[in-house]
Amino acid sequence: MKNVNFDLDNIHGDLSLVTEKLERLMTSIQWLDRDLFEEDRATLEDGESFVIAYRERKIQSELHCEVLEMYVKELQKLKEEVKQLNDKAWKEYRENKKADTSQDTLASDEVPATQKQ
């Protein structure tokens, strides 16, 4: 069971890293949106600025999607590791319970010693 706890600690650390990466990505996307949609009403100048920066923003958007895809894959990998650890822990639990049950059965099957008087 100690091994499972160690593995869980590693997965927790990896999840923390992915969470931090996602937070940075979210901040980057928020900055992009803030730059694009600064005003409630678009002006002709806003339209011209958007057209000029369109290619750059498209590249940024594509990069955000690629990074997000990488993070989703990392999360899926961690999810699978957690599932494997959970299966391992349950298997150990069932084996321990089975061993305890068989020992209890053996103890109860023994004939009690006769009392000498």
N, C-alpha and C. Protein backbone atom coordinates (compact mmCIF):
# COMPACT_ATOMS: atom_id res chain seq x y z
N MET A 1 0.83 -1.19 0.00
CA MET A 1 0.00 0.00 0.00
C MET A 1 0.88 1.26 0.00
N LYS A 2 2.09 1.15 0.56
CA LYS A 2 3.00 2.29 0.56
C LYS A 2 3.35 2.70 -0.86
N ASN A 3 3.52 1.71 -1.72
CA ASN A 3 3.85 1.97 -3.12
C ASN A 3 2.73 2.76 -3.80
N VAL A 4 1.49 2.40 -3.51
CA VAL A 4 0.34 3.10 -4.08
C VAL A 4 0.32 4.55 -3.61
N ASN A 5 0.60 4.77 -2.33
CA ASN A 5 0.62 6.14 -1.81
C ASN A 5 1.70 6.97 -2.48
N PHE A 6 2.86 6.37 -2.71
CA PHE A 6 3.94 7.08 -3.39
C PHE A 6 3.52 7.44 -4.82
N ASP A 7 2.91 6.47 -5.51
CA ASP A 7 2.43 6.73 -6.87
C ASP A 7 1.36 7.81 -6.89
N LEU A 8 0.49 7.79 -5.90
CA LEU A 8 -0.55 8.83 -5.82
C LEU A 8 0.06 10.21 -5.60
N ASP A 9 1.10 10.28 -4.79
CA ASP A 9 1.80 11.56 -4.59
C ASP A 9 2.39 12.07 -5.89
N ASN A 10 2.98 11.17 -6.68
CA ASN A 10 3.55 11.56 -7.98
C ASN A 10 2.45 12.08 -8.91
N ILE A 11 1.34 11.38 -8.94
CA ILE A 11 0.24 11.79 -9.82
C ILE A 11 -0.31 13.14 -9.36
N HIS A 12 -0.42 13.32 -8.05
CA HIS A 12 -0.90 14.60 -7.52
C HIS A 12 0.02 15.74 -7.96
N GLY A 13 1.32 15.51 -7.91
CA GLY A 13 2.28 16.52 -8.36
C GLY A 13 2.12 16.82 -9.85
N ASP A 14 1.93 15.76 -10.65
CA ASP A 14 1.74 15.94 -12.08
C ASP A 14 0.45 16.70 -12.37
N LEU A 15 -0.61 16.39 -11.62
CA LEU A 15 -1.88 17.11 -11.79
C LEU A 15 -1.73 18.59 -11.44
N SER A 16 -0.95 18.87 -10.43
CA SER A 16 -0.71 20.27 -10.05
C SER A 16 0.00 21.02 -11.18
N LEU A 17 0.98 20.35 -11.81
CA LEU A 17 1.69 20.98 -12.92
C LEU A 17 0.76 21.25 -14.11
N VAL A 18 -0.07 20.28 -14.44
CA VAL A 18 -0.99 20.46 -15.56
C VAL A 18 -1.99 21.58 -15.24
N THR A 19 -2.43 21.64 -14.00
CA THR A 19 -3.35 22.70 -13.59
C THR A 19 -2.71 24.08 -13.76
N GLU A 20 -1.45 24.21 -13.35
CA GLU A 20 -0.75 25.47 -13.51
C GLU A 20 -0.60 25.83 -14.99
N LYS A 21 -0.30 24.83 -15.82
CA LYS A 21 -0.17 25.08 -17.25
C LYS A 21 -1.50 25.56 -17.84
N LEU A 22 -2.59 24.93 -17.42
CA LEU A 22 -3.91 25.33 -17.91
C LEU A 22 -4.26 26.75 -17.47
N GLU A 23 -3.87 27.09 -16.25
CA GLU A 23 -4.13 28.45 -15.77
C GLU A 23 -3.36 29.48 -16.60
N ARG A 24 -2.11 29.16 -16.96
CA ARG A 24 -1.33 30.08 -17.80
C ARG A 24 -1.94 30.21 -19.20
N LEU A 25 -2.41 29.09 -19.73
CA LEU A 25 -3.06 29.12 -21.04
C LEU A 25 -4.33 29.96 -20.98
N MET A 26 -5.10 29.79 -19.93
CA MET A 26 -6.33 30.56 -19.76
C MET A 26 -6.02 32.05 -19.69
N THR A 27 -4.98 32.42 -18.97
CA THR A 27 -4.58 33.82 -18.87
C THR A 27 -4.19 34.37 -20.24
N SER A 28 -3.46 33.58 -21.00
CA SER A 28 -3.04 34.00 -22.34
C SER A 28 -4.25 34.23 -23.24
N ILE A 29 -5.22 33.33 -23.17
CA ILE A 29 -6.43 33.48 -23.98
C ILE A 29 -7.23 34.70 -23.53
N GLN A 30 -7.29 34.94 -22.24
CA GLN A 30 -8.00 36.11 -21.73
C GLN A 30 -7.35 37.40 -22.21
N TRP A 31 -6.02 37.43 -22.25
CA TRP A 31 -5.32 38.62 -22.76
C TRP A 31 -5.67 38.84 -24.23
N LEU A 32 -5.67 37.77 -25.00
CA LEU A 32 -6.00 37.88 -26.42
C LEU A 32 -7.43 38.40 -26.59
N ASP A 33 -8.36 37.84 -25.83
CA ASP A 33 -9.75 38.30 -25.91
C ASP A 33 -9.89 39.76 -25.48
N ARG A 34 -9.19 40.12 -24.44
CA ARG A 34 -9.26 41.50 -23.95
C ARG A 34 -8.76 42.47 -25.03
N ASP A 35 -7.68 42.07 -25.71
CA ASP A 35 -7.15 42.91 -26.78
C ASP A 35 -8.13 43.01 -27.95
N LEU A 36 -8.77 41.90 -28.27
CA LEU A 36 -9.69 41.88 -29.41
C LEU A 36 -11.00 42.61 -29.12
N PHE A 37 -11.53 42.39 -27.96
CA PHE A 37 -12.87 42.88 -27.63
C PHE A 37 -12.84 43.89 -26.49
N GLU A 38 -11.96 44.84 -26.61
CA GLU A 38 -11.78 45.84 -25.56
C GLU A 38 -13.03 46.70 -25.37
N GLU A 39 -13.65 47.07 -26.45
CA GLU A 39 -14.82 47.95 -26.39
C GLU A 39 -16.09 47.16 -26.68
N ASP A 40 -17.21 47.66 -26.17
CA ASP A 40 -18.49 47.03 -26.45
C ASP A 40 -18.90 47.24 -27.91
N ARG A 41 -18.56 48.40 -28.44
CA ARG A 41 -18.92 48.73 -29.81
C ARG A 41 -17.65 48.82 -30.65
N ALA A 42 -17.69 48.15 -31.77
CA ALA A 42 -16.52 48.16 -32.66
C ALA A 42 -16.54 49.41 -33.53
N THR A 43 -15.39 49.98 -33.71
CA THR A 43 -15.25 51.14 -34.59
C THR A 43 -14.55 50.71 -35.87
N LEU A 44 -14.51 51.58 -36.83
CA LEU A 44 -13.81 51.30 -38.07
C LEU A 44 -12.33 51.04 -37.79
N GLU A 45 -11.78 51.79 -36.85
CA GLU A 45 -10.37 51.60 -36.46
C GLU A 45 -10.16 50.20 -35.86
N ASP A 46 -11.13 49.74 -35.05
CA ASP A 46 -11.03 48.40 -34.47
C ASP A 46 -11.03 47.35 -35.58
N GLY A 47 -11.89 47.53 -36.58
CA GLY A 47 -11.95 46.61 -37.71
C GLY A 47 -10.65 46.57 -38.48
N GLU A 48 -10.07 47.75 -38.70
CA GLU A 48 -8.79 47.81 -39.41
C GLU A 48 -7.68 47.13 -38.61
N SER A 49 -7.67 47.37 -37.32
CA SER A 49 -6.66 46.74 -36.45
C SER A 49 -6.82 45.22 -36.46
N PHE A 50 -8.07 44.76 -36.45
CA PHE A 50 -8.33 43.32 -36.46
C PHE A 50 -7.83 42.70 -37.76
N VAL A 51 -8.11 43.36 -38.87
CA VAL A 51 -7.69 42.83 -40.17
C VAL A 51 -6.16 42.78 -40.25
N ILE A 52 -5.51 43.82 -39.76
CA ILE A 52 -4.05 43.87 -39.80
C ILE A 52 -3.45 42.75 -38.94
N ALA A 53 -4.03 42.52 -37.79
CA ALA A 53 -3.49 41.52 -36.85
C ALA A 53 -4.11 40.14 -37.02
N TYR A 54 -4.98 39.98 -38.02
CA TYR A 54 -5.73 38.73 -38.18
C TYR A 54 -4.81 37.50 -38.25
N ARG A 55 -3.81 37.55 -39.10
CA ARG A 55 -2.92 36.40 -39.29
C ARG A 55 -2.21 36.04 -37.99
N GLU A 56 -1.70 37.03 -37.28
CA GLU A 56 -1.01 36.78 -36.01
C GLU A 56 -1.96 36.17 -34.98
N ARG A 57 -3.16 36.70 -34.92
CA ARG A 57 -4.13 36.18 -33.94
C ARG A 57 -4.59 34.77 -34.31
N LYS A 58 -4.68 34.50 -35.59
CA LYS A 58 -5.03 33.15 -36.02
C LYS A 58 -3.96 32.17 -35.58
N ILE A 59 -2.70 32.55 -35.77
CA ILE A 59 -1.58 31.70 -35.33
C ILE A 59 -1.63 31.49 -33.82
N GLN A 60 -1.89 32.56 -33.06
CA GLN A 60 -2.00 32.44 -31.60
C GLN A 60 -3.13 31.49 -31.22
N SER A 61 -4.25 31.61 -31.90
CA SER A 61 -5.40 30.75 -31.61
C SER A 61 -5.06 29.29 -31.91
N GLU A 62 -4.39 29.04 -33.02
CA GLU A 62 -3.98 27.67 -33.36
C GLU A 62 -3.01 27.11 -32.33
N LEU A 63 -2.08 27.94 -31.89
CA LEU A 63 -1.13 27.50 -30.86
C LEU A 63 -1.85 27.19 -29.55
N HIS A 64 -2.81 28.02 -29.19
CA HIS A 64 -3.57 27.76 -27.97
C HIS A 64 -4.27 26.40 -28.06
N CYS A 65 -4.85 26.12 -29.22
CA CYS A 65 -5.54 24.83 -29.40
C CYS A 65 -4.56 23.66 -29.32
N GLU A 66 -3.38 23.81 -29.90
CA GLU A 66 -2.36 22.74 -29.85
C GLU A 66 -1.91 22.50 -28.41
N VAL A 67 -1.67 23.58 -27.70
CA VAL A 67 -1.25 23.44 -26.29
C VAL A 67 -2.35 22.81 -25.46
N LEU A 68 -3.57 23.24 -25.68
CA LEU A 68 -4.70 22.67 -24.95
C LEU A 68 -4.82 21.18 -25.24
N GLU A 69 -4.62 20.78 -26.48
CA GLU A 69 -4.67 19.37 -26.84
C GLU A 69 -3.59 18.58 -26.10
N MET A 70 -2.39 19.15 -25.99
CA MET A 70 -1.31 18.48 -25.25
C MET A 70 -1.70 18.31 -23.78
N TYR A 71 -2.29 19.34 -23.18
CA TYR A 71 -2.68 19.26 -21.77
C TYR A 71 -3.78 18.24 -21.56
N VAL A 72 -4.71 18.15 -22.50
CA VAL A 72 -5.78 17.15 -22.40
C VAL A 72 -5.17 15.75 -22.46
N LYS A 73 -4.20 15.55 -23.32
CA LYS A 73 -3.53 14.23 -23.40
C LYS A 73 -2.82 13.91 -22.09
N GLU A 74 -2.17 14.92 -21.49
CA GLU A 74 -1.51 14.70 -20.19
C GLU A 74 -2.54 14.29 -19.14
N LEU A 75 -3.68 14.97 -19.14
CA LEU A 75 -4.73 14.64 -18.17
C LEU A 75 -5.29 13.24 -18.40
N GLN A 76 -5.45 12.86 -19.66
CA GLN A 76 -5.93 11.51 -19.95
C GLN A 76 -4.94 10.46 -19.47
N LYS A 77 -3.65 10.74 -19.65
CA LYS A 77 -2.61 9.82 -19.18
C LYS A 77 -2.67 9.70 -17.65
N LEU A 78 -2.81 10.82 -16.97
CA LEU A 78 -2.89 10.79 -15.51
C LEU A 78 -4.16 10.08 -15.05
N LYS A 79 -5.24 10.28 -15.76
CA LYS A 79 -6.50 9.60 -15.44
C LYS A 79 -6.31 8.08 -15.53
N GLU A 80 -5.62 7.63 -16.56
CA GLU A 80 -5.36 6.19 -16.72
C GLU A 80 -4.47 5.67 -15.59
N GLU A 81 -3.47 6.45 -15.19
CA GLU A 81 -2.60 6.05 -14.08
C GLU A 81 -3.40 5.92 -12.79
N VAL A 82 -4.30 6.86 -12.56
CA VAL A 82 -5.14 6.80 -11.35
C VAL A 82 -6.02 5.55 -11.39
N LYS A 83 -6.58 5.25 -12.55
CA LYS A 83 -7.42 4.06 -12.70
C LYS A 83 -6.61 2.80 -12.39
N GLN A 84 -5.38 2.72 -12.92
CA GLN A 84 -4.54 1.55 -12.66
C GLN A 84 -4.21 1.42 -11.17
N LEU A 85 -3.90 2.55 -10.53
CA LEU A 85 -3.61 2.52 -9.10
C LEU A 85 -4.84 2.10 -8.30
N ASN A 86 -5.99 2.59 -8.71
CA ASN A 86 -7.22 2.23 -8.03
C ASN A 86 -7.48 0.74 -8.16
N ASP A 87 -7.29 0.21 -9.36
CA ASP A 87 -7.46 -1.24 -9.57
C ASP A 87 -6.48 -2.03 -8.72
N LYS A 88 -5.24 -1.55 -8.67
CA LYS A 88 -4.20 -2.22 -7.88
C LYS A 88 -4.55 -2.19 -6.39
N ALA A 89 -5.02 -1.05 -5.91
CA ALA A 89 -5.37 -0.92 -4.49
C ALA A 89 -6.55 -1.83 -4.14
N TRP A 90 -7.55 -1.88 -5.02
CA TRP A 90 -8.70 -2.75 -4.75
C TRP A 90 -8.29 -4.22 -4.78
N LYS A 91 -7.41 -4.57 -5.70
CA LYS A 91 -6.94 -5.96 -5.78
C LYS A 91 -6.23 -6.34 -4.48
N GLU A 92 -5.34 -5.46 -4.01
CA GLU A 92 -4.64 -5.71 -2.75
C GLU A 92 -5.64 -5.82 -1.59
N TYR A 93 -6.62 -4.94 -1.59
CA TYR A 93 -7.62 -4.95 -0.51
C TYR A 93 -8.38 -6.28 -0.50
N ARG A 94 -8.82 -6.72 -1.70
CA ARG A 94 -9.57 -7.98 -1.78
C ARG A 94 -8.70 -9.16 -1.37
N GLU A 95 -7.41 -9.14 -1.77
CA GLU A 95 -6.51 -10.23 -1.40
C GLU A 95 -6.29 -10.26 0.11
N ASN A 96 -6.12 -9.09 0.71
CA ASN A 96 -5.94 -9.02 2.16
C ASN A 96 -7.20 -9.48 2.89
N LYS A 97 -8.34 -9.05 2.38
CA LYS A 97 -9.60 -9.44 3.02
C LYS A 97 -9.81 -10.94 2.89
N LYS A 98 -9.48 -11.49 1.72
CA LYS A 98 -9.62 -12.93 1.50
C LYS A 98 -8.68 -13.70 2.44
N ALA A 99 -7.45 -13.19 2.60
CA ALA A 99 -6.48 -13.84 3.49
C ALA A 99 -6.97 -13.77 4.94
N ASP A 100 -7.51 -12.62 5.33
CA ASP A 100 -8.04 -12.48 6.69
C ASP A 100 -9.21 -13.41 6.92
N THR A 101 -10.08 -13.52 5.93
CA THR A 101 -11.26 -14.38 6.04
C THR A 101 -10.85 -15.84 6.13
N SER A 102 -9.87 -16.25 5.35
CA SER A 102 -9.44 -17.65 5.40
C SER A 102 -8.77 -17.96 6.73
N GLN A 103 -8.04 -17.01 7.29
CA GLN A 103 -7.43 -17.23 8.60
C GLN A 103 -8.50 -17.33 9.68
N ASP A 104 -9.53 -16.50 9.59
CA ASP A 104 -10.63 -16.57 10.56
C ASP A 104 -11.36 -17.90 10.44
N THR A 105 -11.54 -18.38 9.23
CA THR A 105 -12.22 -19.65 9.01
C THR A 105 -11.38 -20.79 9.58
N LEU A 106 -10.07 -20.77 9.36
CA LEU A 106 -9.20 -21.81 9.91
C LEU A 106 -9.25 -21.80 11.43
N ALA A 107 -9.26 -20.65 12.01
CA ALA A 107 -9.29 -20.55 13.47
C ALA A 107 -10.61 -21.08 14.01
N SER A 108 -11.71 -20.82 13.32
CA SER A 108 -13.00 -21.27 13.80
C SER A 108 -13.21 -22.78 13.54
N ASP A 109 -12.48 -23.35 12.57
CA ASP A 109 -12.60 -24.77 12.26
C ASP A 109 -11.84 -25.63 13.26
N GLU A 110 -10.94 -25.04 14.02
CA GLU A 110 -10.16 -25.82 14.98
C GLU A 110 -11.09 -26.30 16.09
N VAL A 111 -10.79 -27.48 16.54
CA VAL A 111 -11.57 -28.04 17.64
C VAL A 111 -11.06 -27.43 18.94
N PRO A 112 -11.97 -26.92 19.75
CA PRO A 112 -11.51 -26.32 20.99
C PRO A 112 -10.88 -27.40 21.91
N ALA A 113 -9.89 -26.98 22.63
CA ALA A 113 -9.21 -27.90 23.53
C ALA A 113 -10.16 -28.30 24.67
N THR A 114 -10.06 -29.54 25.06
CA THR A 114 -10.90 -29.99 26.15
C THR A 114 -10.36 -29.44 27.44
N GLN A 115 -11.26 -29.14 28.30
CA GLN A 115 -10.85 -28.61 29.60
C GLN A 115 -10.64 -29.77 30.55
N LYS A 116 -9.50 -29.76 31.20
CA LYS A 116 -9.22 -30.81 32.20
C LYS A 116 -9.71 -30.31 33.54
N GLN A 117 -10.39 -31.18 34.21
CA GLN A 117 -10.87 -30.79 35.53
C GLN A 117 -10.31 -31.64 36.61
